PDB file of N, CA and C in Angstrom:
ATOM      1  N   MET A   1      97.783  20.720 115.425  1.00  0.00           N
ATOM      2  CA  MET A   1      96.386  20.713 115.816  1.00  0.00           C
ATOM      3  C   MET A   1      96.312  20.386 117.313  1.00  0.00           C
ATOM      4  N   PRO A   2      95.617  21.207 118.100  1.00  0.00           N
ATOM      5  CA  PRO A   2      95.531  20.940 119.541  1.00  0.00           C
ATOM      6  C   PRO A   2      94.713  19.693 119.832  1.00  0.00           C
ATOM      7  N   ARG A   3      95.111  19.000 120.866  1.00  0.00           N
ATOM      8  CA  ARG A   3      94.395  17.790 121.274  1.00  0.00           C
ATOM      9  C   ARG A   3      93.164  18.159 122.078  1.00  0.00           C
ATOM     10  N   ARG A   4      92.094  17.383 121.865  1.00  0.00           N
ATOM     11  CA  ARG A   4      90.874  17.597 122.637  1.00  0.00           C
ATOM     12  C   ARG A   4      91.053  17.028 124.039  1.00  0.00           C
ATOM     13  N   LYS A   5      90.460  17.695 124.998  1.00  0.00           N
ATOM     14  CA  LYS A   5      90.475  17.188 126.363  1.00  0.00           C
ATOM     15  C   LYS A   5      89.535  15.992 126.437  1.00  0.00           C
ATOM     16  N   ARG A   6      89.986  14.898 126.990  1.00  0.00           N
ATOM     17  CA  ARG A   6      89.178  13.690 127.096  1.00  0.00           C
ATOM     18  C   ARG A   6      88.253  13.773 128.296  1.00  0.00           C
ATOM     19  N   THR A   7      87.029  13.345 128.077  1.00  0.00           N
ATOM     20  CA  THR A   7      86.069  13.252 129.162  1.00  0.00           C
ATOM     21  C   THR A   7      86.201  11.865 129.768  1.00  0.00           C
ATOM     22  N   GLN A   8      86.288  11.804 131.057  1.00  0.00           N
ATOM     23  CA  GLN A   8      86.459  10.526 131.734  1.00  0.00           C
ATOM     24  C   GLN A   8      85.162   9.733 131.715  1.00  0.00           C
ATOM     25  N   THR A   9      85.268   8.468 131.358  1.00  0.00           N
ATOM     26  CA  THR A   9      84.129   7.558 131.390  1.00  0.00           C
ATOM     27  C   THR A   9      84.218   6.746 132.665  1.00  0.00           C
ATOM     28  N   SER A  10      83.124   6.656 133.381  1.00  0.00           N
ATOM     29  CA  SER A  10      83.126   5.871 134.616  1.00  0.00           C
ATOM     30  C   SER A  10      82.099   4.763 134.532  1.00  0.00           C
ATOM     31  N   VAL A  11      82.395   3.693 135.201  1.00  0.00           N
ATOM     32  CA  VAL A  11      81.501   2.539 135.263  1.00  0.00           C
ATOM     33  C   VAL A  11      81.258   2.241 136.731  1.00  0.00           C
ATOM     34  N   THR A  12      79.993   2.202 137.135  1.00  0.00           N
ATOM     35  CA  THR A  12      79.622   1.916 138.519  1.00  0.00           C
ATOM     36  C   THR A  12      78.896   0.578 138.561  1.00  0.00           C
ATOM     37  N   VAL A  13      79.328  -0.305 139.448  1.00  0.00           N
ATOM     38  CA  VAL A  13      78.708  -1.618 139.581  1.00  0.00           C
ATOM     39  C   VAL A  13      78.053  -1.702 140.954  1.00  0.00           C
ATOM     40  N   ASN A  14      76.745  -1.994 140.962  1.00  0.00           N
ATOM     41  CA  ASN A  14      76.022  -2.224 142.203  1.00  0.00           C
ATOM     42  C   ASN A  14      75.829  -3.730 142.329  1.00  0.00           C
ATOM     43  N   GLN A  15      76.470  -4.341 143.304  1.00  0.00           N
ATOM     44  CA  GLN A  15      76.405  -5.792 143.407  1.00  0.00           C
ATOM     45  C   GLN A  15      76.325  -6.251 144.850  1.00  0.00           C
ATOM     46  N   VAL A  16      75.896  -7.470 145.008  1.00  0.00           N
ATOM     47  CA  VAL A  16      75.928  -8.105 146.317  1.00  0.00           C
ATOM     48  C   VAL A  16      77.342  -8.612 146.533  1.00  0.00           C
ATOM     49  N   SER A  17      77.663  -9.088 147.712  1.00  0.00           N
ATOM     50  CA  SER A  17      79.039  -9.481 147.997  1.00  0.00           C
ATOM     51  C   SER A  17      79.518 -10.623 147.110  1.00  0.00           C
ATOM     52  N   LYS A  18      78.648 -11.571 146.801  1.00  0.00           N
ATOM     53  CA  LYS A  18      79.006 -12.671 145.914  1.00  0.00           C
ATOM     54  C   LYS A  18      78.095 -12.582 144.699  1.00  0.00           C
ATOM     55  N   VAL A  19      78.681 -12.617 143.512  1.00  0.00           N
ATOM     56  CA  VAL A  19      77.885 -12.493 142.302  1.00  0.00           C
ATOM     57  C   VAL A  19      77.614 -13.874 141.738  1.00  0.00           C
ATOM     58  N   GLU A  20      76.418 -14.347 141.981  1.00  0.00           N
ATOM     59  CA  GLU A  20      75.922 -15.572 141.373  1.00  0.00           C
ATOM     60  C   GLU A  20      74.665 -15.154 140.630  1.00  0.00           C
ATOM     61  N   LEU A  21      74.809 -14.958 139.322  1.00  0.00           N
ATOM     62  CA  LEU A  21      73.730 -14.355 138.555  1.00  0.00           C
ATOM     63  C   LEU A  21      72.505 -15.253 138.481  1.00  0.00           C
ATOM     64  N   THR A  22      71.348 -14.630 138.654  1.00  0.00           N
ATOM     65  CA  THR A  22      70.067 -15.301 138.483  1.00  0.00           C
ATOM     66  C   THR A  22      69.287 -14.520 137.431  1.00  0.00           C
ATOM     67  N   LYS A  23      68.005 -14.717 137.345  1.00  0.00           N
ATOM     68  CA  LYS A  23      67.203 -14.017 136.350  1.00  0.00           C
ATOM     69  C   LYS A  23      67.308 -12.510 136.526  1.00  0.00           C
ATOM     70  N   ARG A  24      67.267 -11.795 135.392  1.00  0.00           N
ATOM     71  CA  ARG A  24      67.308 -10.341 135.436  1.00  0.00           C
ATOM     72  C   ARG A  24      66.098  -9.831 136.206  1.00  0.00           C
ATOM     73  N   GLY A  25      66.322  -8.841 137.028  1.00  0.00           N
ATOM     74  CA  GLY A  25      65.241  -8.300 137.837  1.00  0.00           C
ATOM     75  C   GLY A  25      65.228  -8.875 139.246  1.00  0.00           C
ATOM     76  N   SER A  26      65.933  -9.969 139.437  1.00  0.00           N
ATOM     77  CA  SER A  26      66.028 -10.510 140.789  1.00  0.00           C
ATOM     78  C   SER A  26      67.116  -9.762 141.547  1.00  0.00           C
ATOM     79  N   ARG A  27      67.256 -10.061 142.809  1.00  0.00           N
ATOM     80  CA  ARG A  27      68.274  -9.371 143.607  1.00  0.00           C
ATOM     81  C   ARG A  27      69.686  -9.702 143.164  1.00  0.00           C
ATOM     82  N   ASN A  28      69.886 -10.825 142.498  1.00  0.00           N
ATOM     83  CA  ASN A  28      71.232 -11.251 142.154  1.00  0.00           C
ATOM     84  C   ASN A  28      71.618 -10.991 140.702  1.00  0.00           C
ATOM     85  N   SER A  29      70.894 -10.143 139.994  1.00  0.00           N
ATOM     86  CA  SER A  29      71.367  -9.741 138.677  1.00  0.00           C
ATOM     87  C   SER A  29      72.382  -8.611 138.892  1.00  0.00           C
ATOM     88  N   LEU A  30      73.234  -8.403 137.920  1.00  0.00           N
ATOM     89  CA  LEU A  30      74.288  -7.395 138.036  1.00  0.00           C
ATOM     90  C   LEU A  30      73.907  -6.185 137.194  1.00  0.00           C
ATOM     91  N   GLU A  31      73.915  -5.018 137.798  1.00  0.00           N
ATOM     92  CA  GLU A  31      73.545  -3.767 137.125  1.00  0.00           C
ATOM     93  C   GLU A  31      74.776  -2.881 137.045  1.00  0.00           C
ATOM     94  N   ILE A  32      75.125  -2.450 135.821  1.00  0.00           N
ATOM     95  CA  ILE A  32      76.320  -1.626 135.617  1.00  0.00           C
ATOM     96  C   ILE A  32      75.900  -0.326 134.938  1.00  0.00           C
ATOM     97  N   GLU A  33      76.168   0.806 135.588  1.00  0.00           N
ATOM     98  CA  GLU A  33      75.898   2.117 135.007  1.00  0.00           C
ATOM     99  C   GLU A  33      77.154   2.601 134.303  1.00  0.00           C
ATOM    100  N   VAL A  34      77.002   3.064 133.066  1.00  0.00           N
ATOM    101  CA  VAL A  34      78.129   3.582 132.290  1.00  0.00           C
ATOM    102  C   VAL A  34      77.898   5.076 132.085  1.00  0.00           C
ATOM    103  N   ARG A  35      78.872   5.876 132.501  1.00  0.00           N
ATOM    104  CA  ARG A  35      78.753   7.337 132.433  1.00  0.00           C
ATOM    105  C   ARG A  35      79.957   7.954 131.742  1.00  0.00           C
ATOM    106  N   ARG A  36      79.714   9.067 131.080  1.00  0.00           N
ATOM    107  CA  ARG A  36      80.784   9.911 130.557  1.00  0.00           C
ATOM    108  C   ARG A  36      80.694  11.202 131.349  1.00  0.00           C
ATOM    109  N   GLY A  37      81.620  11.394 132.253  1.00  0.00           N
ATOM    110  CA  GLY A  37      81.518  12.509 133.187  1.00  0.00           C
ATOM    111  C   GLY A  37      80.302  12.268 134.063  1.00  0.00           C
ATOM    112  N   ALA A  38      79.402  13.244 134.132  1.00  0.00           N
ATOM    113  CA  ALA A  38      78.173  13.082 134.913  1.00  0.00           C
ATOM    114  C   ALA A  38      77.030  12.531 134.062  1.00  0.00           C
ATOM    115  N   GLU A  39      77.224  12.475 132.741  1.00  0.00           N
ATOM    116  CA  GLU A  39      76.161  12.044 131.824  1.00  0.00           C
ATOM    117  C   GLU A  39      76.046  10.515 131.791  1.00  0.00           C
ATOM    118  N   LEU A  40      74.846  10.018 132.035  1.00  0.00           N
ATOM    119  CA  LEU A  40      74.583   8.587 131.963  1.00  0.00           C
ATOM    120  C   LEU A  40      74.475   8.179 130.495  1.00  0.00           C
ATOM    121  N   LEU A  41      75.316   7.233 130.060  1.00  0.00           N
ATOM    122  CA  LEU A  41      75.253   6.729 128.688  1.00  0.00           C
ATOM    123  C   LEU A  41      74.251   5.594 128.567  1.00  0.00           C
ATOM    124  N   GLY A  42      74.173   4.774 129.612  1.00  0.00           N
ATOM    125  CA  GLY A  42      73.237   3.659 129.610  1.00  0.00           C
ATOM    126  C   GLY A  42      73.515   2.735 130.771  1.00  0.00           C
ATOM    127  N   THR A  43      72.684   1.705 130.886  1.00  0.00           N
ATOM    128  CA  THR A  43      72.812   0.732 131.969  1.00  0.00           C
ATOM    129  C   THR A  43      72.854  -0.659 131.363  1.00  0.00           C
ATOM    130  N   LEU A  44      73.814  -1.444 131.817  1.00  0.00           N
ATOM    131  CA  LEU A  44      73.990  -2.820 131.362  1.00  0.00           C
ATOM    132  C   LEU A  44      73.510  -3.743 132.477  1.00  0.00           C
ATOM    133  N   PHE A  45      72.595  -4.661 132.155  1.00  0.00           N
ATOM    134  CA  PHE A  45      72.095  -5.636 133.123  1.00  0.00           C
ATOM    135  C   PHE A  45      72.587  -7.015 132.720  1.00  0.00           C
ATOM    136  N   LEU A  46      73.164  -7.726 133.664  1.00  0.00           N
ATOM    137  CA  LEU A  46      73.647  -9.083 133.426  1.00  0.00           C
ATOM    138  C   LEU A  46      72.866 -10.038 134.306  1.00  0.00           C
ATOM    139  N   GLY A  47      72.238 -11.028 133.689  1.00  0.00           N
ATOM    140  CA  GLY A  47      71.508 -12.059 134.415  1.00  0.00           C
ATOM    141  C   GLY A  47      72.037 -13.415 134.012  1.00  0.00           C
ATOM    142  N   SER A  48      71.489 -14.461 134.545  1.00  0.00           N
ATOM    143  CA  SER A  48      71.988 -15.803 134.231  1.00  0.00           C
ATOM    144  C   SER A  48      71.672 -16.198 132.792  1.00  0.00           C
ATOM    145  N   GLY A  49      70.632 -15.618 132.199  1.00  0.00           N
ATOM    146  CA  GLY A  49      70.241 -16.028 130.856  1.00  0.00           C
ATOM    147  C   GLY A  49      70.519 -15.031 129.760  1.00  0.00           C
ATOM    148  N   SER A  50      70.732 -13.751 130.114  1.00  0.00           N
ATOM    149  CA  SER A  50      70.883 -12.761 129.048  1.00  0.00           C
ATOM    150  C   SER A  50      71.643 -11.533 129.517  1.00  0.00           C
ATOM    151  N   VAL A  51      71.995 -10.716 128.516  1.00  0.00           N
ATOM    152  CA  VAL A  51      72.638  -9.421 128.711  1.00  0.00           C
ATOM    153  C   VAL A  51      71.702  -8.382 128.102  1.00  0.00           C
ATOM    154  N   GLN A  52      71.448  -7.289 128.821  1.00  0.00           N
ATOM    155  CA  GLN A  52      70.580  -6.226 128.298  1.00  0.00           C
ATOM    156  C   GLN A  52      71.292  -4.889 128.408  1.00  0.00           C
ATOM    157  N   TRP A  53      71.172  -4.074 127.356  1.00  0.00           N
ATOM    158  CA  TRP A  53      71.681  -2.707 127.365  1.00  0.00           C
ATOM    159  C   TRP A  53      70.495  -1.770 127.232  1.00  0.00           C
ATOM    160  N   TRP A  54      70.349  -0.883 128.205  1.00  0.00           N
ATOM    161  CA  TRP A  54      69.292   0.130 128.191  1.00  0.00           C
ATOM    162  C   TRP A  54      69.965   1.482 128.002  1.00  0.00           C
ATOM    163  N   PRO A  55      69.800   2.103 126.815  1.00  0.00           N
ATOM    164  CA  PRO A  55      70.380   3.433 126.600  1.00  0.00           C
ATOM    165  C   PRO A  55      69.757   4.473 127.521  1.00  0.00           C
ATOM    166  N   ARG A  56      70.464   5.537 127.734  1.00  0.00           N
ATOM    167  CA  ARG A  56      70.013   6.641 128.584  1.00  0.00           C
ATOM    168  C   ARG A  56      68.649   7.138 128.134  1.00  0.00           C
ATOM    169  N   GLY A  57      67.748   7.353 129.071  1.00  0.00           N
ATOM    170  CA  GLY A  57      66.446   7.937 128.791  1.00  0.00           C
ATOM    171  C   GLY A  57      65.496   7.034 128.025  1.00  0.00           C
ATOM    172  N   ASN A  58      65.820   5.778 127.874  1.00  0.00           N
ATOM    173  CA  ASN A  58      64.996   4.873 127.085  1.00  0.00           C
ATOM    174  C   ASN A  58      64.319   3.883 128.025  1.00  0.00           C
ATOM    175  N   LYS A  59      63.016   3.932 128.097  1.00  0.00           N
ATOM    176  CA  LYS A  59      62.273   3.061 129.008  1.00  0.00           C
ATOM    177  C   LYS A  59      61.616   1.886 128.296  1.00  0.00           C
ATOM    178  N   ALA A  60      61.604   1.892 126.955  1.00  0.00           N
ATOM    179  CA  ALA A  60      60.859   0.862 126.226  1.00  0.00           C
ATOM    180  C   ALA A  60      61.739  -0.032 125.354  1.00  0.00           C
ATOM    181  N   ASN A  61      62.783   0.520 124.760  1.00  0.00           N
ATOM    182  CA  ASN A  61      63.590  -0.239 123.814  1.00  0.00           C
ATOM    183  C   ASN A  61      64.935  -0.611 124.414  1.00  0.00           C
ATOM    184  N   LYS A  62      65.186  -1.889 124.472  1.00  0.00           N
ATOM    185  CA  LYS A  62      66.450  -2.372 125.011  1.00  0.00           C
ATOM    186  C   LYS A  62      67.117  -3.247 123.961  1.00  0.00           C
ATOM    187  N   PHE A  63      68.413  -3.438 124.117  1.00  0.00           N
ATOM    188  CA  PHE A  63      69.149  -4.376 123.290  1.00  0.00           C
ATOM    189  C   PHE A  63      69.377  -5.592 124.176  1.00  0.00           C
ATOM    190  N   GLN A  64      68.872  -6.741 123.760  1.00  0.00           N
ATOM    191  CA  GLN A  64      68.969  -7.943 124.580  1.00  0.00           C
ATOM    192  C   GLN A  64      69.518  -9.091 123.765  1.00  0.00           C
ATOM    193  N   LYS A  65      70.455  -9.827 124.351  1.00  0.00           N
ATOM    194  CA  LYS A  65      71.043 -11.010 123.726  1.00  0.00           C
ATOM    195  C   LYS A  65      71.215 -12.092 124.780  1.00  0.00           C
ATOM    196  N   SER A  66      71.076 -13.338 124.353  1.00  0.00           N
ATOM    197  CA  SER A  66      71.443 -14.445 125.237  1.00  0.00           C
ATOM    198  C   SER A  66      72.967 -14.412 125.366  1.00  0.00           C
ATOM    199  N   TRP A  67      73.503 -15.154 126.309  1.00  0.00           N
ATOM    200  CA  TRP A  67      74.952 -15.168 126.490  1.00  0.00           C
ATOM    201  C   TRP A  67      75.665 -15.699 125.248  1.00  0.00           C
ATOM    202  N   THR A  68      75.110 -16.723 124.593  1.00  0.00           N
ATOM    203  CA  THR A  68      75.745 -17.245 123.376  1.00  0.00           C
ATOM    204  C   THR A  68      75.622 -16.230 122.243  1.00  0.00           C
ATOM    205  N   GLY A  69      74.493 -15.556 122.148  1.00  0.00           N
ATOM    206  CA  GLY A  69      74.323 -14.509 121.146  1.00  0.00           C
ATOM    207  C   GLY A  69      75.252 -13.326 121.391  1.00  0.00           C
ATOM    208  N   PHE A  70      75.442 -12.975 122.660  1.00  0.00           N
ATOM    209  CA  PHE A  70      76.334 -11.875 123.027  1.00  0.00           C
ATOM    210  C   PHE A  70      77.774 -12.232 122.685  1.00  0.00           C
ATOM    211  N   ALA A  71      78.174 -13.473 122.962  1.00  0.00           N
ATOM    212  CA  ALA A  71      79.533 -13.927 122.627  1.00  0.00           C
ATOM    213  C   ALA A  71      79.742 -13.896 121.113  1.00  0.00           C
ATOM    214  N   ALA A  72      78.743 -14.320 120.347  1.00  0.00           N
ATOM    215  CA  ALA A  72      78.847 -14.291 118.888  1.00  0.00           C
ATOM    216  C   ALA A  72      78.952 -12.850 118.384  1.00  0.00           C
ATOM    217  N   LEU A  73      78.197 -11.936 118.983  1.00  0.00           N
ATOM    218  CA  LEU A  73      78.252 -10.533 118.615  1.00  0.00           C
ATOM    219  C   LEU A  73      79.647  -9.957 118.860  1.00  0.00           C
ATOM    220  N   LEU A  74      80.245 -10.279 119.998  1.00  0.00           N
ATOM    221  CA  LEU A  74      81.592  -9.797 120.309  1.00  0.00           C
ATOM    222  C   LEU A  74      82.622 -10.414 119.363  1.00  0.00           C
ATOM    223  N   ASP A  75      82.491 -11.709 119.079  1.00  0.00           N
ATOM    224  CA  ASP A  75      83.417 -12.360 118.139  1.00  0.00           C
ATOM    225  C   ASP A  75      83.363 -11.676 116.778  1.00  0.00           C
ATOM    226  N   GLU A  76      82.156 -11.360 116.317  1.00  0.00           N
ATOM    227  CA  GLU A  76      81.977 -10.692 115.022  1.00  0.00           C
ATOM    228  C   GLU A  76      82.614  -9.301 115.044  1.00  0.00           C
ATOM    229  N   ALA A  77      82.438  -8.575 116.134  1.00  0.00           N
ATOM    230  CA  ALA A  77      82.994  -7.230 116.245  1.00  0.00           C
ATOM    231  C   ALA A  77      84.530  -7.267 116.258  1.00  0.00           C
ATOM    232  N   ILE A  78      85.095  -8.285 116.862  1.00  0.00           N
ATOM    233  CA  ILE A  78      86.556  -8.410 116.919  1.00  0.00           C
ATOM    234  C   ILE A  78      87.126  -8.711 115.544  1.00  0.00           C
ATOM    235  N   ARG A  79      86.411  -9.487 114.749  1.00  0.00           N
ATOM    236  CA  ARG A  79      86.885  -9.866 113.416  1.00  0.00           C
ATOM    237  C   ARG A  79      86.888  -8.700 112.431  1.00  0.00           C
ATOM    238  N   ARG A  80      86.129  -7.668 112.690  1.00  0.00           N
ATOM    239  CA  ARG A  80      86.038  -6.521 111.753  1.00  0.00           C
ATOM    240  C   ARG A  80      87.303  -5.728 111.726  1.00  0.00           C
TER     241      ARG A  80
END
């Protein structure tokens, strides 16, 4: 069976020179764009209090977790 050609996924980080996270939406939050080829998959926002995932083309519904909630989510995913 022939192997499928893999599409490269790229991650772009727009940040200030020193990352000291503050509230999301401020100048010091971290914004990460995740792309597969030229297609935007979504944007990850990191602030001092929470992590937010905004899927491509979605302006109203986000996935948001506090840092402790995000850590618990990752721990659960690793255990599966």
